[in-house]
């Protein structure tokens, strides 16, 4: 009967059941993750194959455009030169746009400012923090409050001051703080 079991036995049984449940949940998570990882790997392979085929189509389309220009009466060298220059311009435009996107990165300005403020070391007062591509603002004033080591320094150590509690005949004592 369950009523005859001791509290210790019930706690041990509950602990065993909880650990079994946790292990089972971990195994289930591993199995689901393994299944999902296989699907993600397969999808990545399919995307890679599609990108390769799209690249081949771009090459074939480039030849088709060049031969179309030849059919319009341009010299063969000129037609292929036009297609090449077009792709160079597209590549240059993409590089320019990518460079502009990288130039706008924040570069962890808040973290740098926070660390400088916390450090409060040499040069923190004269440091300059950039707030934007064209704006420059003075750094925030360094923190001047108490440090972590100073916060509880005014308190007395435990056991330094004890007072007796209770009425006559009681010998118990507690900390005054």
Protein backbone atom coordinates (compact mmCIF):
# COMPACT_ATOMS: atom_id res chain seq x y z
CA UNK A 1 0.00 0.00 0.00
CA UNK A 2 1.22 3.54 -0.76
CA UNK A 3 0.26 4.72 2.77
CA UNK A 4 2.79 2.37 4.31
CA UNK A 5 5.76 3.89 2.42
CA UNK A 6 7.97 6.32 4.27
CA UNK A 7 8.46 9.89 3.20
CA UNK A 8 12.08 9.13 2.23
CA UNK A 9 10.97 6.29 -0.04
CA UNK A 10 8.36 8.53 -1.70
CA UNK A 11 10.94 11.29 -2.28
CA UNK A 12 13.41 8.76 -3.72
CA UNK A 13 10.72 7.35 -6.00
CA UNK A 14 9.69 10.85 -7.16
CA UNK A 15 13.33 11.77 -7.75
CA UNK A 16 13.86 8.60 -9.81
CA UNK A 17 10.73 9.28 -11.87
CA UNK A 18 11.73 12.90 -12.49
CA UNK A 19 15.23 11.90 -13.61
CA UNK A 20 13.71 9.24 -15.91
CA UNK A 21 11.36 11.83 -17.35
CA UNK A 22 14.20 14.31 -17.92
CA UNK A 23 16.32 11.64 -19.63
CA UNK A 24 13.38 10.67 -21.84
CA UNK A 25 12.76 14.30 -22.79
CA UNK A 26 16.45 14.74 -23.65
CA UNK A 27 16.36 11.63 -25.85
CA UNK A 28 13.22 12.90 -27.57
CA UNK A 29 14.86 16.29 -28.17
CA UNK A 30 17.94 14.58 -29.63
CA UNK A 31 15.82 12.47 -31.97
CA UNK A 32 13.81 15.49 -33.14
CA UNK A 33 16.98 17.53 -33.62
CA UNK A 34 18.61 14.74 -35.59
CA UNK A 35 15.55 14.51 -37.85
CA UNK A 36 15.48 18.29 -38.33
CA UNK A 37 19.23 18.41 -38.99
CA UNK A 38 18.83 15.84 -41.77
CA UNK A 39 16.03 17.91 -43.32
CA UNK A 40 18.07 21.12 -43.06
CA UNK A 41 21.09 19.38 -44.64
CA UNK A 42 18.95 18.07 -47.50
CA UNK A 43 17.39 21.51 -48.04
CA UNK A 44 20.84 23.17 -48.04
CA UNK A 45 22.05 20.68 -50.65
CA UNK A 46 19.01 21.38 -52.82
CA UNK A 47 19.53 25.14 -52.51
CA UNK A 48 23.19 24.69 -53.47
CA UNK A 49 22.22 22.67 -56.55
CA UNK A 50 19.64 25.31 -57.52
CA UNK A 51 22.26 28.07 -57.16
CA UNK A 52 24.68 26.12 -59.36
CA UNK A 53 22.02 25.61 -62.05
CA UNK A 54 21.07 29.31 -61.85
CA UNK A 55 24.73 30.20 -62.37
CA UNK A 56 24.88 28.00 -65.45
CA UNK A 57 21.71 29.69 -66.75
CA UNK A 58 23.33 33.09 -66.23
CA UNK A 59 26.32 32.02 -68.31
CA UNK A 60 24.06 30.68 -71.07
CA UNK A 61 21.94 33.85 -70.96
CA UNK A 62 25.11 35.91 -71.31
CA UNK A 63 26.03 34.02 -74.48
CA UNK A 64 22.47 34.41 -75.77
CA UNK A 65 22.56 38.18 -75.19
CA UNK A 66 25.96 38.47 -76.88
CA UNK A 67 24.81 36.47 -79.92
CA UNK A 68 21.61 38.52 -80.02
CA UNK A 69 23.72 41.67 -80.25
CA UNK A 70 25.74 40.03 -83.04
CA UNK A 71 22.49 39.30 -84.88
CA UNK A 72 21.62 43.01 -84.61
CA UNK A 73 24.76 43.80 -86.59
CA UNK A 74 27.42 44.42 -83.93
CA UNK A 75 30.87 42.90 -84.26
CA UNK A 76 31.40 39.73 -82.27
CA UNK A 77 34.09 41.26 -80.05
CA UNK A 78 31.93 44.32 -79.39
CA UNK A 79 28.88 42.24 -78.44
CA UNK A 80 30.85 40.17 -75.92
CA UNK A 81 32.58 43.33 -74.62
CA UNK A 82 29.18 44.97 -74.01
CA UNK A 83 27.95 41.95 -72.03
CA UNK A 84 31.20 41.86 -70.03
CA UNK A 85 31.07 45.57 -69.23
CA UNK A 86 27.43 45.21 -68.17
CA UNK A 87 28.35 42.47 -65.68
CA UNK A 88 31.32 44.49 -64.42
CA UNK A 89 29.01 47.45 -63.76
CA UNK A 90 26.52 45.22 -61.93
CA UNK A 91 29.37 43.76 -59.84
CA UNK A 92 30.71 47.25 -59.05
CA UNK A 93 27.23 48.38 -58.01
CA UNK A 94 26.83 45.37 -55.71
CA UNK A 95 30.26 46.02 -54.15
CA UNK A 96 29.35 49.69 -53.60
CA UNK A 97 26.02 48.83 -51.97
CA UNK A 98 27.68 46.14 -49.81
CA UNK A 99 30.41 48.57 -48.74
CA UNK A 100 27.83 51.19 -47.79
CA UNK A 101 25.94 48.61 -45.71
CA UNK A 102 29.13 47.64 -43.86
CA UNK A 103 30.07 51.27 -43.32
CA UNK A 104 26.80 51.82 -41.44
CA UNK A 105 27.53 49.15 -38.81
CA UNK A 106 27.29 50.38 -35.25
CA UNK A 107 30.52 48.69 -34.15
CA UNK A 108 29.38 48.04 -30.57
CA UNK A 109 29.40 51.73 -29.66
CA UNK A 110 27.14 51.27 -26.63
CA UNK A 111 29.23 48.41 -25.26
CA UNK A 112 32.45 50.37 -25.76
CA UNK A 113 30.96 53.43 -24.05
CA UNK A 114 29.64 51.29 -21.18
CA UNK A 115 33.01 49.61 -20.67
CA UNK A 116 34.81 52.95 -20.72
CA UNK A 117 32.34 54.31 -18.18
CA UNK A 118 32.69 51.29 -15.91
CA UNK A 119 36.47 51.31 -16.17
CA UNK A 120 36.66 54.98 -15.28
CA UNK A 121 40.35 54.64 -15.98
CA UNK A 122 42.84 56.95 -17.61
CA UNK A 123 41.50 58.84 -20.56
CA UNK A 124 37.84 58.12 -19.82
CA UNK A 125 37.10 61.80 -19.32
CA UNK A 126 38.68 62.84 -22.58
CA UNK A 127 37.38 59.92 -24.64
CA UNK A 128 35.21 60.67 -27.62
CA UNK A 129 32.33 58.43 -28.67
CA UNK A 130 30.96 58.47 -32.20
CA UNK A 131 27.17 58.66 -32.33
CA UNK A 132 26.78 58.48 -36.07
CA UNK A 133 28.73 58.60 -39.31
CA UNK A 134 29.12 62.38 -39.11
CA UNK A 135 28.38 63.22 -35.47
CA UNK A 136 30.85 63.15 -32.59
CA UNK A 137 29.78 63.58 -28.97
CA UNK A 138 31.81 63.74 -25.76
CA UNK A 139 31.88 60.53 -23.75
CA UNK A 140 29.59 60.15 -20.76
CA UNK A 141 31.02 61.10 -17.38
CA UNK A 142 32.66 58.18 -15.56
CA UNK A 143 30.80 56.48 -12.72
CA UNK A 144 31.80 58.03 -9.39
CA UNK A 145 29.63 56.00 -6.99
CA UNK A 146 30.88 53.28 -4.67
CA UNK A 147 32.53 50.22 -6.18
CA UNK A 148 31.39 46.68 -5.47
CA UNK A 149 34.03 46.32 -2.76
CA UNK A 150 32.94 49.51 -1.02
CA UNK A 151 29.19 48.83 -0.87
CA UNK A 152 29.13 46.82 2.38
CA UNK A 153 32.41 48.06 3.89
CA UNK A 154 30.72 50.07 6.66
CA UNK A 155 29.09 47.01 8.25
CA UNK A 156 30.63 45.08 11.08
CA UNK A 157 31.70 41.48 10.48
CA UNK A 158 29.36 38.71 11.61
CA UNK A 159 29.91 37.73 15.23
CA UNK A 160 31.54 41.04 16.18
CA UNK A 161 28.51 42.26 18.09
CA UNK A 162 26.02 39.89 19.70
CA UNK A 163 23.17 40.60 22.06
CA UNK A 164 21.21 38.25 24.23
CA UNK A 165 17.58 37.60 23.40
CA UNK A 166 14.82 36.35 25.61
CA UNK A 167 13.88 36.68 29.21
CA UNK A 168 15.70 35.71 32.34
CA UNK A 169 17.25 32.29 32.24
CA UNK A 170 17.54 32.12 28.45
CA UNK A 171 21.06 31.93 27.13
CA UNK A 172 20.42 32.32 23.37
CA UNK A 173 21.96 35.17 21.40
CA UNK A 174 21.58 36.59 17.89
CA UNK A 175 23.49 39.02 15.69
CA UNK A 176 22.66 42.68 16.21
CA UNK A 177 22.89 43.51 12.55
